[in-house]
């Protein structure tokens, strides 16, 4: 069956909070495999992998509702969704690049004003 770990250990390993995992459970994205004699929830390796994947998908910009749907997609459709999300992230990166350049221009102008240029 593999190693079972507590919620506390899962949070430490995956760098998530207890509330985050509880939210994932509420959305039925992950569930505990068992409880120990103290009533603490225990998670298997599959749950740990899912939490890691959920966090990654969130960083990609997907909501928990989107992620729930992603988990149910066949690999071919998942690949398409991820490719589309890559395009969205690239567009955001370009937009941020432009904003960074604008901010640098403002800083340069401020420095010129301060030096009397």
PDB file of N, CA and C in Angstrom:
ATOM      1  N   UNK A   1       0.827  -1.204   0.000  1.00  0.00           N
ATOM      2  CA  UNK A   1       0.000   0.000   0.000  1.00  0.00           C
ATOM      3  C   UNK A   1       0.862   1.255   0.000  1.00  0.00           C
ATOM      4  N   UNK A   2       2.092   1.169   0.469  1.00  0.00           N
ATOM      5  CA  UNK A   2       2.978   2.325   0.464  1.00  0.00           C
ATOM      6  C   UNK A   2       2.881   3.112   1.749  1.00  0.00           C
ATOM      7  N   UNK A   3       3.721   4.121   1.829  1.00  0.00           N
ATOM      8  CA  UNK A   3       3.802   4.949   3.026  1.00  0.00           C
ATOM      9  C   UNK A   3       2.596   5.864   3.153  1.00  0.00           C
ATOM     10  N   UNK A   4       2.043   5.921   4.348  1.00  0.00           N
ATOM     11  CA  UNK A   4       0.973   6.862   4.657  1.00  0.00           C
ATOM     12  C   UNK A   4       1.558   7.957   5.538  1.00  0.00           C
ATOM     13  N   UNK A   5       1.210   9.188   5.245  1.00  0.00           N
ATOM     14  CA  UNK A   5       1.713  10.302   6.045  1.00  0.00           C
ATOM     15  C   UNK A   5       0.546  11.143   6.560  1.00  0.00           C
ATOM     16  N   UNK A   6       0.797  11.856   7.644  1.00  0.00           N
ATOM     17  CA  UNK A   6      -0.240  12.709   8.234  1.00  0.00           C
ATOM     18  C   UNK A   6      -0.427  13.975   7.401  1.00  0.00           C
ATOM     19  N   UNK A   7      -1.512  14.660   7.683  1.00  0.00           N
ATOM     20  CA  UNK A   7      -1.784  15.935   7.019  1.00  0.00           C
ATOM     21  C   UNK A   7      -0.643  16.913   7.288  1.00  0.00           C
ATOM     22  N   UNK A   8      -0.176  16.937   8.527  1.00  0.00           N
ATOM     23  CA  UNK A   8       0.924  17.842   8.889  1.00  0.00           C
ATOM     24  C   UNK A   8       2.162  17.564   8.043  1.00  0.00           C
ATOM     25  N   UNK A   9       2.489  16.277   7.881  1.00  0.00           N
ATOM     26  CA  UNK A   9       3.663  15.901   7.089  1.00  0.00           C
ATOM     27  C   UNK A   9       3.448  16.231   5.609  1.00  0.00           C
ATOM     28  N   UNK A  10       2.243  15.993   5.126  1.00  0.00           N
ATOM     29  CA  UNK A  10       1.932  16.328   3.725  1.00  0.00           C
ATOM     30  C   UNK A  10       2.120  17.826   3.501  1.00  0.00           C
ATOM     31  N   UNK A  11       1.625  18.629   4.429  1.00  0.00           N
ATOM     32  CA  UNK A  11       1.760  20.084   4.304  1.00  0.00           C
ATOM     33  C   UNK A  11       3.229  20.483   4.290  1.00  0.00           C
ATOM     34  N   UNK A  12       4.024  19.860   5.134  1.00  0.00           N
ATOM     35  CA  UNK A  12       5.449  20.175   5.188  1.00  0.00           C
ATOM     36  C   UNK A  12       6.141  19.789   3.888  1.00  0.00           C
ATOM     37  N   UNK A  13       5.869  18.581   3.409  1.00  0.00           N
ATOM     38  CA  UNK A  13       6.533  18.083   2.199  1.00  0.00           C
ATOM     39  C   UNK A  13       6.147  18.860   0.949  1.00  0.00           C
ATOM     40  N   UNK A  14       4.881  19.168   0.840  1.00  0.00           N
ATOM     41  CA  UNK A  14       4.376  19.792  -0.390  1.00  0.00           C
ATOM     42  C   UNK A  14       4.271  21.313  -0.294  1.00  0.00           C
ATOM     43  N   UNK A  15       4.656  21.851   0.850  1.00  0.00           N
ATOM     44  CA  UNK A  15       4.629  23.305   1.071  1.00  0.00           C
ATOM     45  C   UNK A  15       3.243  23.896   0.816  1.00  0.00           C
ATOM     46  N   UNK A  16       2.271  23.276   1.448  1.00  0.00           N
ATOM     47  CA  UNK A  16       0.893  23.761   1.394  1.00  0.00           C
ATOM     48  C   UNK A  16       0.402  23.923   2.828  1.00  0.00           C
ATOM     49  N   UNK A  17      -0.695  24.642   2.980  1.00  0.00           N
ATOM     50  CA  UNK A  17      -1.276  24.798   4.309  1.00  0.00           C
ATOM     51  C   UNK A  17      -2.376  23.762   4.517  1.00  0.00           C
ATOM     52  N   UNK A  18      -2.713  23.583   5.775  1.00  0.00           N
ATOM     53  CA  UNK A  18      -3.805  22.683   6.142  1.00  0.00           C
ATOM     54  C   UNK A  18      -5.087  23.126   5.424  1.00  0.00           C
ATOM     55  N   UNK A  19      -5.320  24.430   5.409  1.00  0.00           N
ATOM     56  CA  UNK A  19      -6.528  24.965   4.761  1.00  0.00           C
ATOM     57  C   UNK A  19      -6.551  24.662   3.270  1.00  0.00           C
ATOM     58  N   UNK A  20      -5.392  24.725   2.634  1.00  0.00           N
ATOM     59  CA  UNK A  20      -5.332  24.430   1.200  1.00  0.00           C
ATOM     60  C   UNK A  20      -5.770  22.990   0.953  1.00  0.00           C
ATOM     61  N   UNK A  21      -5.219  22.066   1.738  1.00  0.00           N
ATOM     62  CA  UNK A  21      -5.574  20.653   1.561  1.00  0.00           C
ATOM     63  C   UNK A  21      -7.052  20.450   1.859  1.00  0.00           C
ATOM     64  N   UNK A  22      -7.556  21.114   2.889  1.00  0.00           N
ATOM     65  CA  UNK A  22      -8.980  21.001   3.205  1.00  0.00           C
ATOM     66  C   UNK A  22      -9.834  21.524   2.045  1.00  0.00           C
ATOM     67  N   UNK A  23      -9.374  22.589   1.410  1.00  0.00           N
ATOM     68  CA  UNK A  23     -10.080  23.118   0.239  1.00  0.00           C
ATOM     69  C   UNK A  23     -10.069  22.125  -0.913  1.00  0.00           C
ATOM     70  N   UNK A  24      -8.935  21.459  -1.099  1.00  0.00           N
ATOM     71  CA  UNK A  24      -8.834  20.441  -2.150  1.00  0.00           C
ATOM     72  C   UNK A  24      -9.779  19.282  -1.851  1.00  0.00           C
ATOM     73  N   UNK A  25      -9.868  18.924  -0.566  1.00  0.00           N
ATOM     74  CA  UNK A  25     -10.776  17.841  -0.177  1.00  0.00           C
ATOM     75  C   UNK A  25     -12.225  18.249  -0.406  1.00  0.00           C
ATOM     76  N   UNK A  26     -12.536  19.496  -0.077  1.00  0.00           N
ATOM     77  CA  UNK A  26     -13.896  20.004  -0.256  1.00  0.00           C
ATOM     78  C   UNK A  26     -14.313  19.940  -1.725  1.00  0.00           C
ATOM     79  N   UNK A  27     -13.374  20.223  -2.616  1.00  0.00           N
ATOM     80  CA  UNK A  27     -13.646  20.178  -4.059  1.00  0.00           C
ATOM     81  C   UNK A  27     -13.525  18.757  -4.616  1.00  0.00           C
ATOM     82  N   UNK A  28     -13.240  17.810  -3.738  1.00  0.00           N
ATOM     83  CA  UNK A  28     -13.095  16.393  -4.121  1.00  0.00           C
ATOM     84  C   UNK A  28     -11.923  16.174  -5.079  1.00  0.00           C
ATOM     85  N   UNK A  29     -10.865  16.949  -4.878  1.00  0.00           N
ATOM     86  CA  UNK A  29      -9.653  16.801  -5.686  1.00  0.00           C
ATOM     87  C   UNK A  29      -8.689  15.803  -5.061  1.00  0.00           C
ATOM     88  N   UNK A  30      -8.760  15.665  -3.756  1.00  0.00           N
ATOM     89  CA  UNK A  30      -7.872  14.766  -3.030  1.00  0.00           C
ATOM     90  C   UNK A  30      -8.624  14.273  -1.796  1.00  0.00           C
ATOM     91  N   UNK A  31      -8.252  13.096  -1.323  1.00  0.00           N
ATOM     92  CA  UNK A  31      -8.877  12.588  -0.100  1.00  0.00           C
ATOM     93  C   UNK A  31      -7.878  11.754   0.682  1.00  0.00           C
ATOM     94  N   UNK A  32      -8.117  11.692   1.980  1.00  0.00           N
ATOM     95  CA  UNK A  32      -7.263  10.893   2.848  1.00  0.00           C
ATOM     96  C   UNK A  32      -7.520   9.417   2.579  1.00  0.00           C
ATOM     97  N   UNK A  33      -6.479   8.621   2.749  1.00  0.00           N
ATOM     98  CA  UNK A  33      -6.599   7.179   2.529  1.00  0.00           C
ATOM     99  C   UNK A  33      -7.088   6.468   3.784  1.00  0.00           C
ATOM    100  N   UNK A  34      -6.802   7.065   4.951  1.00  0.00           N
ATOM    101  CA  UNK A  34      -7.154   6.424   6.217  1.00  0.00           C
ATOM    102  C   UNK A  34      -7.011   7.437   7.343  1.00  0.00           C
ATOM    103  N   UNK A  35      -7.294   6.979   8.556  1.00  0.00           N
ATOM    104  CA  UNK A  35      -7.004   7.770   9.753  1.00  0.00           C
ATOM    105  C   UNK A  35      -6.195   6.898  10.692  1.00  0.00           C
ATOM    106  N   UNK A  36      -5.362   7.540  11.516  1.00  0.00           N
ATOM    107  CA  UNK A  36      -4.586   6.757  12.480  1.00  0.00           C
ATOM    108  C   UNK A  36      -5.373   6.608  13.777  1.00  0.00           C
ATOM    109  N   UNK A  37      -4.768   5.982  14.780  1.00  0.00           N
ATOM    110  CA  UNK A  37      -5.486   5.709  16.031  1.00  0.00           C
ATOM    111  C   UNK A  37      -5.864   6.983  16.783  1.00  0.00           C
ATOM    112  N   UNK A  38      -5.240   8.098  16.430  1.00  0.00           N
ATOM    113  CA  UNK A  38      -5.554   9.380  17.061  1.00  0.00           C
ATOM    114  C   UNK A  38      -6.589  10.172  16.264  1.00  0.00           C
ATOM    115  N   UNK A  39      -7.032   9.609  15.156  1.00  0.00           N
ATOM    116  CA  UNK A  39      -8.016  10.274  14.313  1.00  0.00           C
ATOM    117  C   UNK A  39      -7.411  11.220  13.295  1.00  0.00           C
ATOM    118  N   UNK A  40      -6.081  11.234  13.188  1.00  0.00           N
ATOM    119  CA  UNK A  40      -5.418  12.094  12.207  1.00  0.00           C
ATOM    120  C   UNK A  40      -5.554  11.498  10.813  1.00  0.00           C
ATOM    121  N   UNK A  41      -5.814  12.360   9.850  1.00  0.00           N
ATOM    122  CA  UNK A  41      -5.935  11.912   8.465  1.00  0.00           C
ATOM    123  C   UNK A  41      -4.579  11.458   7.944  1.00  0.00           C
ATOM    124  N   UNK A  42      -4.603  10.391   7.162  1.00  0.00           N
ATOM    125  CA  UNK A  42      -3.386   9.853   6.558  1.00  0.00           C
ATOM    126  C   UNK A  42      -3.545   9.851   5.048  1.00  0.00           C
ATOM    127  N   UNK A  43      -2.477  10.233   4.371  1.00  0.00           N
ATOM    128  CA  UNK A  43      -2.505  10.353   2.916  1.00  0.00           C
ATOM    129  C   UNK A  43      -1.478   9.422   2.292  1.00  0.00           C
ATOM    130  N   UNK A  44      -1.865   8.836   1.161  1.00  0.00           N
ATOM    131  CA  UNK A  44      -0.948   7.940   0.452  1.00  0.00           C
ATOM    132  C   UNK A  44      -0.145   8.719  -0.588  1.00  0.00           C
ATOM    133  N   UNK A  45       0.724   8.009  -1.272  1.00  0.00           N
ATOM    134  CA  UNK A  45       1.600   8.637  -2.263  1.00  0.00           C
ATOM    135  C   UNK A  45       0.804   9.274  -3.403  1.00  0.00           C
ATOM    136  N   UNK A  46      -0.288   8.639  -3.793  1.00  0.00           N
ATOM    137  CA  UNK A  46      -1.126   9.182  -4.870  1.00  0.00           C
ATOM    138  C   UNK A  46      -1.695  10.546  -4.477  1.00  0.00           C
ATOM    139  N   UNK A  47      -2.151  10.676  -3.239  1.00  0.00           N
ATOM    140  CA  UNK A  47      -2.683  11.959  -2.764  1.00  0.00           C
ATOM    141  C   UNK A  47      -1.592  13.023  -2.767  1.00  0.00           C
ATOM    142  N   UNK A  48      -0.383  12.635  -2.376  1.00  0.00           N
ATOM    143  CA  UNK A  48       0.742  13.580  -2.383  1.00  0.00           C
ATOM    144  C   UNK A  48       1.019  14.062  -3.807  1.00  0.00           C
ATOM    145  N   UNK A  49       0.998  13.135  -4.749  1.00  0.00           N
ATOM    146  CA  UNK A  49       1.235  13.501  -6.152  1.00  0.00           C
ATOM    147  C   UNK A  49       0.141  14.436  -6.660  1.00  0.00           C
ATOM    148  N   UNK A  50      -1.102  14.166  -6.253  1.00  0.00           N
ATOM    149  CA  UNK A  50      -2.217  15.014  -6.691  1.00  0.00           C
ATOM    150  C   UNK A  50      -2.085  16.425  -6.135  1.00  0.00           C
ATOM    151  N   UNK A  51      -1.690  16.533  -4.870  1.00  0.00           N
ATOM    152  CA  UNK A  51      -1.511  17.857  -4.264  1.00  0.00           C
ATOM    153  C   UNK A  51      -0.423  18.620  -5.014  1.00  0.00           C
ATOM    154  N   UNK A  52       0.657  17.936  -5.337  1.00  0.00           N
ATOM    155  CA  UNK A  52       1.750  18.565  -6.092  1.00  0.00           C
ATOM    156  C   UNK A  52       1.243  19.044  -7.452  1.00  0.00           C
ATOM    157  N   UNK A  53       0.449  18.206  -8.119  1.00  0.00           N
ATOM    158  CA  UNK A  53      -0.097  18.552  -9.437  1.00  0.00           C
ATOM    159  C   UNK A  53      -1.093  19.707  -9.324  1.00  0.00           C
ATOM    160  N   UNK A  54      -1.925  19.690  -8.287  1.00  0.00           N
ATOM    161  CA  UNK A  54      -2.889  20.777  -8.073  1.00  0.00           C
ATOM    162  C   UNK A  54      -2.151  22.101  -7.934  1.00  0.00           C
ATOM    163  N   UNK A  55      -1.112  22.123  -7.112  1.00  0.00           N
ATOM    164  CA  UNK A  55      -0.328  23.351  -6.906  1.00  0.00           C
ATOM    165  C   UNK A  55       0.282  23.835  -8.221  1.00  0.00           C
ATOM    166  N   UNK A  56       0.800  22.913  -8.994  1.00  0.00           N
ATOM    167  CA  UNK A  56       1.403  23.273 -10.272  1.00  0.00           C
ATOM    168  C   UNK A  56       0.356  23.864 -11.216  1.00  0.00           C
ATOM    169  N   UNK A  57      -0.787  23.204 -11.314  1.00  0.00           N
ATOM    170  CA  UNK A  57      -1.858  23.705 -12.174  1.00  0.00           C
ATOM    171  C   UNK A  57      -2.342  25.080 -11.707  1.00  0.00           C
ATOM    172  N   UNK A  58      -2.388  25.294 -10.385  1.00  0.00           N
ATOM    173  CA  UNK A  58      -2.769  26.613  -9.882  1.00  0.00           C
ATOM    174  C   UNK A  58      -1.750  27.661 -10.322  1.00  0.00           C
ATOM    175  N   UNK A  59      -0.488  27.309 -10.268  1.00  0.00           N
ATOM    176  CA  UNK A  59       0.550  28.239 -10.708  1.00  0.00           C
ATOM    177  C   UNK A  59       0.434  28.519 -12.202  1.00  0.00           C
ATOM    178  N   UNK A  60      -0.084  27.566 -12.955  1.00  0.00           N
ATOM    179  CA  UNK A  60      -0.319  27.774 -14.383  1.00  0.00           C
ATOM    180  C   UNK A  60      -1.482  28.732 -14.619  1.00  0.00           C
ATOM    181  N   UNK A  61      -2.297  28.970 -13.572  1.00  0.00           N
ATOM    182  CA  UNK A  61      -3.419  29.893 -13.696  1.00  0.00           C
ATOM    183  C   UNK A  61      -4.786  29.237 -13.702  1.00  0.00           C
ATOM    184  N   UNK A  62      -4.845  27.942 -13.452  1.00  0.00           N
ATOM    185  CA  UNK A  62      -6.127  27.244 -13.425  1.00  0.00           C
ATOM    186  C   UNK A  62      -6.781  27.388 -12.050  1.00  0.00           C
ATOM    187  N   UNK A  63      -8.106  27.507 -12.039  1.00  0.00           N
ATOM    188  CA  UNK A  63      -8.863  27.517 -10.786  1.00  0.00           C
ATOM    189  C   UNK A  63      -9.045  26.074 -10.312  1.00  0.00           C
ATOM    190  N   UNK A  64      -9.476  25.912  -9.074  1.00  0.00           N
ATOM    191  CA  UNK A  64      -9.718  24.557  -8.563  1.00  0.00           C
ATOM    192  C   UNK A  64     -10.817  23.859  -9.362  1.00  0.00           C
ATOM    193  N   UNK A  65     -11.833  24.612  -9.774  1.00  0.00           N
ATOM    194  CA  UNK A  65     -12.890  24.009 -10.598  1.00  0.00           C
ATOM    195  C   UNK A  65     -12.328  23.539 -11.935  1.00  0.00           C
ATOM    196  N   UNK A  66     -11.440  24.353 -12.531  1.00  0.00           N
ATOM    197  CA  UNK A  66     -10.781  23.949 -13.781  1.00  0.00           C
ATOM    198  C   UNK A  66      -9.952  22.684 -13.561  1.00  0.00           C
ATOM    199  N   UNK A  67      -9.234  22.657 -12.450  1.00  0.00           N
ATOM    200  CA  UNK A  67      -8.344  21.529 -12.159  1.00  0.00           C
ATOM    201  C   UNK A  67      -9.144  20.244 -12.004  1.00  0.00           C
ATOM    202  N   UNK A  68     -10.290  20.346 -11.362  1.00  0.00           N
ATOM    203  CA  UNK A  68     -11.149  19.162 -11.210  1.00  0.00           C
ATOM    204  C   UNK A  68     -11.503  18.597 -12.588  1.00  0.00           C
ATOM    205  N   UNK A  69     -11.814  19.483 -13.519  1.00  0.00           N
ATOM    206  CA  UNK A  69     -12.139  19.050 -14.881  1.00  0.00           C
ATOM    207  C   UNK A  69     -10.903  18.486 -15.584  1.00  0.00           C
ATOM    208  N   UNK A  70      -9.743  19.110 -15.354  1.00  0.00           N
ATOM    209  CA  UNK A  70      -8.504  18.631 -15.988  1.00  0.00           C
ATOM    210  C   UNK A  70      -8.198  17.196 -15.583  1.00  0.00           C
ATOM    211  N   UNK A  71      -8.419  16.882 -14.312  1.00  0.00           N
ATOM    212  CA  UNK A  71      -8.131  15.532 -13.828  1.00  0.00           C
ATOM    213  C   UNK A  71      -8.997  14.474 -14.514  1.00  0.00           C
ATOM    214  N   UNK A  72     -10.164  14.899 -15.016  1.00  0.00           N
ATOM    215  CA  UNK A  72     -11.073  13.950 -15.664  1.00  0.00           C
ATOM    216  C   UNK A  72     -10.857  13.834 -17.172  1.00  0.00           C
ATOM    217  N   UNK A  73      -9.984  14.684 -17.722  1.00  0.00           N
ATOM    218  CA  UNK A  73      -9.770  14.671 -19.172  1.00  0.00           C
ATOM    219  C   UNK A  73      -8.854  13.530 -19.610  1.00  0.00           C
ATOM    220  N   UNK A  74      -9.113  12.996 -20.798  1.00  0.00           N
ATOM    221  CA  UNK A  74      -8.143  12.058 -21.380  1.00  0.00           C
ATOM    222  C   UNK A  74      -6.849  12.821 -21.685  1.00  0.00           C
ATOM    223  N   UNK A  75      -5.739  12.123 -21.728  1.00  0.00           N
ATOM    224  CA  UNK A  75      -4.429  12.757 -21.930  1.00  0.00           C
ATOM    225  C   UNK A  75      -4.383  13.669 -23.151  1.00  0.00           C
ATOM    226  N   UNK A  76      -5.023  13.257 -24.243  1.00  0.00           N
ATOM    227  CA  UNK A  76      -5.001  14.056 -25.472  1.00  0.00           C
ATOM    228  C   UNK A  76      -5.642  15.427 -25.247  1.00  0.00           C
ATOM    229  N   UNK A  77      -6.786  15.442 -24.566  1.00  0.00           N
ATOM    230  CA  UNK A  77      -7.474  16.709 -24.297  1.00  0.00           C
ATOM    231  C   UNK A  77      -6.724  17.530 -23.258  1.00  0.00           C
ATOM    232  N   UNK A  78      -6.133  16.864 -22.273  1.00  0.00           N
ATOM    233  CA  UNK A  78      -5.338  17.560 -21.264  1.00  0.00           C
ATOM    234  C   UNK A  78      -4.160  18.270 -21.927  1.00  0.00           C
ATOM    235  N   UNK A  79      -3.533  17.595 -22.868  1.00  0.00           N
ATOM    236  CA  UNK A  79      -2.402  18.172 -23.601  1.00  0.00           C
ATOM    237  C   UNK A  79      -2.838  19.451 -24.320  1.00  0.00           C
ATOM    238  N   UNK A  80      -4.002  19.418 -24.951  1.00  0.00           N
ATOM    239  CA  UNK A  80      -4.524  20.591 -25.662  1.00  0.00           C
ATOM    240  C   UNK A  80      -4.775  21.739 -24.686  1.00  0.00           C
ATOM    241  N   UNK A  81      -5.403  21.440 -23.549  1.00  0.00           N
ATOM    242  CA  UNK A  81      -5.681  22.480 -22.546  1.00  0.00           C
ATOM    243  C   UNK A  81      -4.395  23.102 -22.023  1.00  0.00           C
ATOM    244  N   UNK A  82      -3.383  22.261 -21.792  1.00  0.00           N
ATOM    245  CA  UNK A  82      -2.104  22.774 -21.297  1.00  0.00           C
ATOM    246  C   UNK A  82      -1.409  23.630 -22.354  1.00  0.00           C
ATOM    247  N   UNK A  83      -1.499  23.220 -23.613  1.00  0.00           N
ATOM    248  CA  UNK A  83      -0.908  24.019 -24.696  1.00  0.00           C
ATOM    249  C   UNK A  83      -1.579  25.391 -24.789  1.00  0.00           C
ATOM    250  N   UNK A  84      -2.899  25.420 -24.630  1.00  0.00           N
ATOM    251  CA  UNK A  84      -3.622  26.693 -24.643  1.00  0.00           C
ATOM    252  C   UNK A  84      -3.203  27.563 -23.458  1.00  0.00           C
ATOM    253  N   UNK A  85      -3.011  26.931 -22.310  1.00  0.00           N
ATOM    254  CA  UNK A  85      -2.611  27.683 -21.124  1.00  0.00           C
ATOM    255  C   UNK A  85      -1.197  28.236 -21.275  1.00  0.00           C
ATOM    256  N   UNK A  86      -0.345  27.495 -21.962  1.00  0.00           N
ATOM    257  CA  UNK A  86       1.009  27.994 -22.249  1.00  0.00           C
ATOM    258  C   UNK A  86       0.915  29.286 -23.051  1.00  0.00           C
ATOM    259  N   UNK A  87       0.018  29.323 -24.035  1.00  0.00           N
ATOM    260  CA  UNK A  87      -0.169  30.543 -24.835  1.00  0.00           C
ATOM    261  C   UNK A  87      -0.609  31.708 -23.952  1.00  0.00           C
ATOM    262  N   UNK A  88      -1.540  31.433 -23.041  1.00  0.00           N
ATOM    263  CA  UNK A  88      -2.016  32.476 -22.125  1.00  0.00           C
ATOM    264  C   UNK A  88      -0.862  32.987 -21.268  1.00  0.00           C
ATOM    265  N   UNK A  89      -0.061  32.065 -20.739  1.00  0.00           N
ATOM    266  CA  UNK A  89       1.073  32.462 -19.893  1.00  0.00           C
ATOM    267  C   UNK A  89       2.106  33.253 -20.686  1.00  0.00           C
ATOM    268  N   UNK A  90       2.333  32.868 -21.947  1.00  0.00           N
ATOM    269  CA  UNK A  90       3.285  33.602 -22.785  1.00  0.00           C
ATOM    270  C   UNK A  90       2.793  35.020 -23.058  1.00  0.00           C
ATOM    271  N   UNK A  91       1.492  35.167 -23.291  1.00  0.00           N
ATOM    272  CA  UNK A  91       0.919  36.498 -23.507  1.00  0.00           C
ATOM    273  C   UNK A  91       1.077  37.360 -22.255  1.00  0.00           C
ATOM    274  N   UNK A  92       0.852  36.749 -21.097  1.00  0.00           N
ATOM    275  CA  UNK A  92       1.020  37.484 -19.840  1.00  0.00           C
ATOM    276  C   UNK A  92       2.476  37.881 -19.643  1.00  0.00           C
ATOM    277  N   UNK A  93       3.392  36.977 -19.987  1.00  0.00           N
ATOM    278  CA  UNK A  93       4.820  37.274 -19.850  1.00  0.00           C
ATOM    279  C   UNK A  93       5.189  38.473 -20.725  1.00  0.00           C
ATOM    280  N   UNK A  94       4.676  38.495 -21.955  1.00  0.00           N
ATOM    281  CA  UNK A  94       4.944  39.620 -22.858  1.00  0.00           C
ATOM    282  C   UNK A  94       4.368  40.919 -22.298  1.00  0.00           C
ATOM    283  N   UNK A  95       3.156  40.830 -21.757  1.00  0.00           N
ATOM    284  CA  UNK A  95       2.529  42.025 -21.182  1.00  0.00           C
ATOM    285  C   UNK A  95       3.339  42.526 -19.989  1.00  0.00           C
ATOM    286  N   UNK A  96       3.799  41.612 -19.145  1.00  0.00           N
ATOM    287  CA  UNK A  96       4.631  42.009 -18.007  1.00  0.00           C
ATOM    288  C   UNK A  96       5.951  42.600 -18.482  1.00  0.00           C
ATOM    289  N   UNK A  97       6.506  42.053 -19.546  1.00  0.00           N
ATOM    290  CA  UNK A  97       7.742  42.599 -20.106  1.00  0.00           C
ATOM    291  C   UNK A  97       7.563  44.051 -20.512  1.00  0.00           C
ATOM    292  N   UNK A  98       6.426  44.342 -21.137  1.00  0.00           N
ATOM    293  CA  UNK A  98       6.136  45.723 -21.542  1.00  0.00           C
ATOM    294  C   UNK A  98       5.966  46.625 -20.324  1.00  0.00           C
ATOM    295  N   UNK A  99       5.278  46.114 -19.301  1.00  0.00           N
ATOM    296  CA  UNK A  99       5.092  46.905 -18.083  1.00  0.00           C
ATOM    297  C   UNK A  99       6.419  47.173 -17.384  1.00  0.00           C
ATOM    298  N   UNK A 100       7.288  46.179 -17.370  1.00  0.00           N
ATOM    299  CA  UNK A 100       8.612  46.348 -16.767  1.00  0.00           C
ATOM    300  C   UNK A 100       9.386  47.436 -17.500  1.00  0.00           C
ATOM    301  N   UNK A 101       9.336  47.414 -18.821  1.00  0.00           N
ATOM    302  CA  UNK A 101      10.018  48.447 -19.608  1.00  0.00           C
ATOM    303  C   UNK A 101       9.451  49.837 -19.325  1.00  0.00           C
ATOM    304  N   UNK A 102       8.135  49.924 -19.189  1.00  0.00           N
ATOM    305  CA  UNK A 102       7.497  51.208 -18.858  1.00  0.00           C
ATOM    306  C   UNK A 102       7.988  51.706 -17.500  1.00  0.00           C
ATOM    307  N   UNK A 103       8.040  50.799 -16.525  1.00  0.00           N
ATOM    308  CA  UNK A 103       8.503  51.179 -15.185  1.00  0.00           C
ATOM    309  C   UNK A 103       9.958  51.633 -15.226  1.00  0.00           C
ATOM    310  N   UNK A 104      10.788  50.948 -16.000  1.00  0.00           N
ATOM    311  CA  UNK A 104      12.199  51.333 -16.133  1.00  0.00           C
ATOM    312  C   UNK A 104      12.330  52.708 -16.775  1.00  0.00           C
ATOM    313  N   UNK A 105      11.484  52.995 -17.765  1.00  0.00           N
ATOM    314  CA  UNK A 105      11.500  54.315 -18.406  1.00  0.00           C
ATOM    315  C   UNK A 105      11.169  55.413 -17.395  1.00  0.00           C
ATOM    316  N   UNK A 106      10.168  55.154 -16.566  1.00  0.00           N
ATOM    317  CA  UNK A 106       9.787  56.137 -15.544  1.00  0.00           C
ATOM    318  C   UNK A 106      10.948  56.353 -14.573  1.00  0.00           C
ATOM    319  N   UNK A 107      11.586  55.267 -14.151  1.00  0.00           N
ATOM    320  CA  UNK A 107      12.727  55.370 -13.235  1.00  0.00           C
ATOM    321  C   UNK A 107      13.845  56.187 -13.867  1.00  0.00           C
ATOM    322  N   UNK A 108      14.133  55.931 -15.132  1.00  0.00           N
ATOM    323  CA  UNK A 108      15.185  56.687 -15.831  1.00  0.00           C
ATOM    324  C   UNK A 108      14.866  58.174 -15.857  1.00  0.00           C
ATOM    325  N   UNK A 109      13.614  58.502 -16.143  1.00  0.00           N
ATOM    326  CA  UNK A 109      13.204  59.905 -16.186  1.00  0.00           C
ATOM    327  C   UNK A 109      13.317  60.553 -14.810  1.00  0.00           C
ATOM    328  N   UNK A 110      12.957  59.794 -13.772  1.00  0.00           N
ATOM    329  CA  UNK A 110      13.067  60.319 -12.412  1.00  0.00           C
ATOM    330  C   UNK A 110      14.521  60.567 -12.041  1.00  0.00           C
ATOM    331  N   UNK A 111      15.394  59.652 -12.443  1.00  0.00           N
ATOM    332  CA  UNK A 111      16.822  59.814 -12.158  1.00  0.00           C
ATOM    333  C   UNK A 111      17.388  61.024 -12.893  1.00  0.00           C
ATOM    334  N   UNK A 112      16.939  61.239 -14.131  1.00  0.00           N
ATOM    335  CA  UNK A 112      17.387  62.406 -14.904  1.00  0.00           C
ATOM    336  C   UNK A 112      16.953  63.700 -14.225  1.00  0.00           C
ATOM    337  N   UNK A 113      15.718  63.699 -13.709  1.00  0.00           N
ATOM    338  CA  UNK A 113      15.208  64.887 -13.021  1.00  0.00           C
ATOM    339  C   UNK A 113      16.013  65.163 -11.755  1.00  0.00           C
ATOM    340  N   UNK A 114      16.382  64.098 -11.036  1.00  0.00           N
ATOM    341  CA  UNK A 114      17.131  64.253  -9.785  1.00  0.00           C
ATOM    342  C   UNK A 114      18.558  64.729 -10.020  1.00  0.00           C
ATOM    343  N   UNK A 115      19.131  64.383 -11.169  1.00  0.00           N
ATOM    344  CA  UNK A 115      20.510  64.802 -11.459  1.00  0.00           C
ATOM    345  C   UNK A 115      20.531  66.118 -12.229  1.00  0.00           C
ATOM    346  N   UNK A 116      19.371  66.654 -12.450  1.00  0.00           N
ATOM    347  CA  UNK A 116      19.295  67.939 -13.143  1.00  0.00           C
ATOM    348  C   UNK A 116      19.439  67.823 -14.637  1.00  0.00           C
ATOM    349  N   UNK A 117      19.247  66.571 -15.169  1.00  0.00           N
ATOM    350  CA  UNK A 117      19.448  66.335 -16.591  1.00  0.00           C
ATOM    351  C   UNK A 117      18.300  66.670 -17.389  1.00  0.00           C
TER     352      UNK A 117
END
